[in-house]
Protein backbone atom coordinates (compact mmCIF):
# COMPACT_ATOMS: atom_id res chain seq x y z
CA MET A 1 -20.55 23.89 4.88
CA ALA A 2 -22.67 21.81 7.19
CA GLU A 3 -26.04 23.57 7.09
CA LYS A 4 -26.99 22.55 10.64
CA ASN A 5 -23.84 24.10 12.10
CA LEU A 6 -24.55 27.48 10.51
CA TYR A 7 -27.57 27.97 12.76
CA ARG A 8 -25.79 27.30 16.06
CA ILE A 9 -25.44 30.28 18.41
CA VAL A 10 -22.16 32.00 19.30
CA GLU A 11 -21.25 35.08 21.26
CA VAL A 12 -18.91 37.48 19.49
CA SER A 13 -16.46 39.74 21.36
CA VAL A 14 -13.72 42.18 20.45
CA ASN A 15 -10.50 41.54 22.38
CA ARG A 16 -8.19 44.51 22.77
CA GLY A 17 -5.55 43.32 25.19
CA SER A 18 -6.97 43.51 28.69
CA ASP A 19 -10.28 44.94 27.45
CA ARG A 20 -13.00 42.67 25.98
CA ARG A 21 -16.21 44.15 24.58
CA ASP A 22 -19.24 42.10 23.63
CA VAL A 23 -20.45 42.57 20.07
CA GLY A 24 -23.51 40.34 20.28
CA ILE A 25 -25.09 36.93 20.14
CA MET A 26 -25.69 35.56 16.65
CA THR A 27 -25.67 32.46 14.52
CA VAL A 28 -22.45 31.01 13.16
CA ARG A 29 -23.50 32.18 9.68
CA GLN A 30 -23.99 35.77 10.87
CA ALA A 31 -20.67 35.71 12.72
CA LEU A 32 -18.84 34.54 9.60
CA GLU A 33 -20.48 37.35 7.60
CA LEU A 34 -18.83 39.94 9.85
CA PRO A 35 -15.66 41.58 8.51
CA ASP A 36 -12.49 39.55 9.01
CA VAL A 37 -11.10 41.45 12.00
CA PRO A 38 -8.26 39.73 13.91
CA SER A 39 -9.50 41.02 17.28
CA LEU A 40 -12.89 39.27 16.99
CA GLU A 41 -13.32 36.17 19.16
CA TYR A 42 -16.14 33.68 19.31
CA THR A 43 -17.51 31.27 21.88
CA HIS A 44 -17.57 27.65 20.72
CA PRO A 45 -21.08 26.71 19.58
CA ASP A 46 -21.05 23.34 21.37
CA ILE A 47 -19.12 24.15 24.54
CA ASP A 48 -19.66 26.80 27.24
CA THR A 49 -16.29 28.44 26.57
CA ARG A 50 -17.19 31.89 27.91
CA ALA A 51 -17.37 30.51 31.45
CA ASP A 52 -13.71 29.49 31.38
CA GLY A 53 -12.52 32.46 29.31
CA HIS A 54 -11.64 30.31 26.28
CA PHE A 55 -12.60 31.71 22.88
CA ILE A 56 -11.99 30.52 19.32
CA ASN A 57 -10.79 32.51 16.33
CA ARG A 58 -12.37 32.94 12.91
CA SER A 59 -10.51 30.07 11.24
CA GLN A 60 -11.62 27.70 14.03
CA LEU A 61 -15.21 28.91 13.61
CA GLN A 62 -15.00 28.33 9.84
CA ALA A 63 -13.67 24.82 10.46
CA TYR A 64 -16.59 24.16 12.80
CA ALA A 65 -19.06 25.41 10.19
CA CYS A 66 -17.58 23.01 7.61
CA SER A 67 -17.60 19.96 9.88
């Protein structure tokens, strides 16, 4: 993993259909340490994705951490 990417900040949310609940703001490393729950979504660490309602999934976050 790229060490510098592990310390970027993401916002984690739980998406349950039409209901989205914020879990918290944390580093990429902390987010990847959370249980692998399909309903978790993450903002992109480099792009303001929350503003446009676009979130990434766990595999995309892992790919970012490795780049």
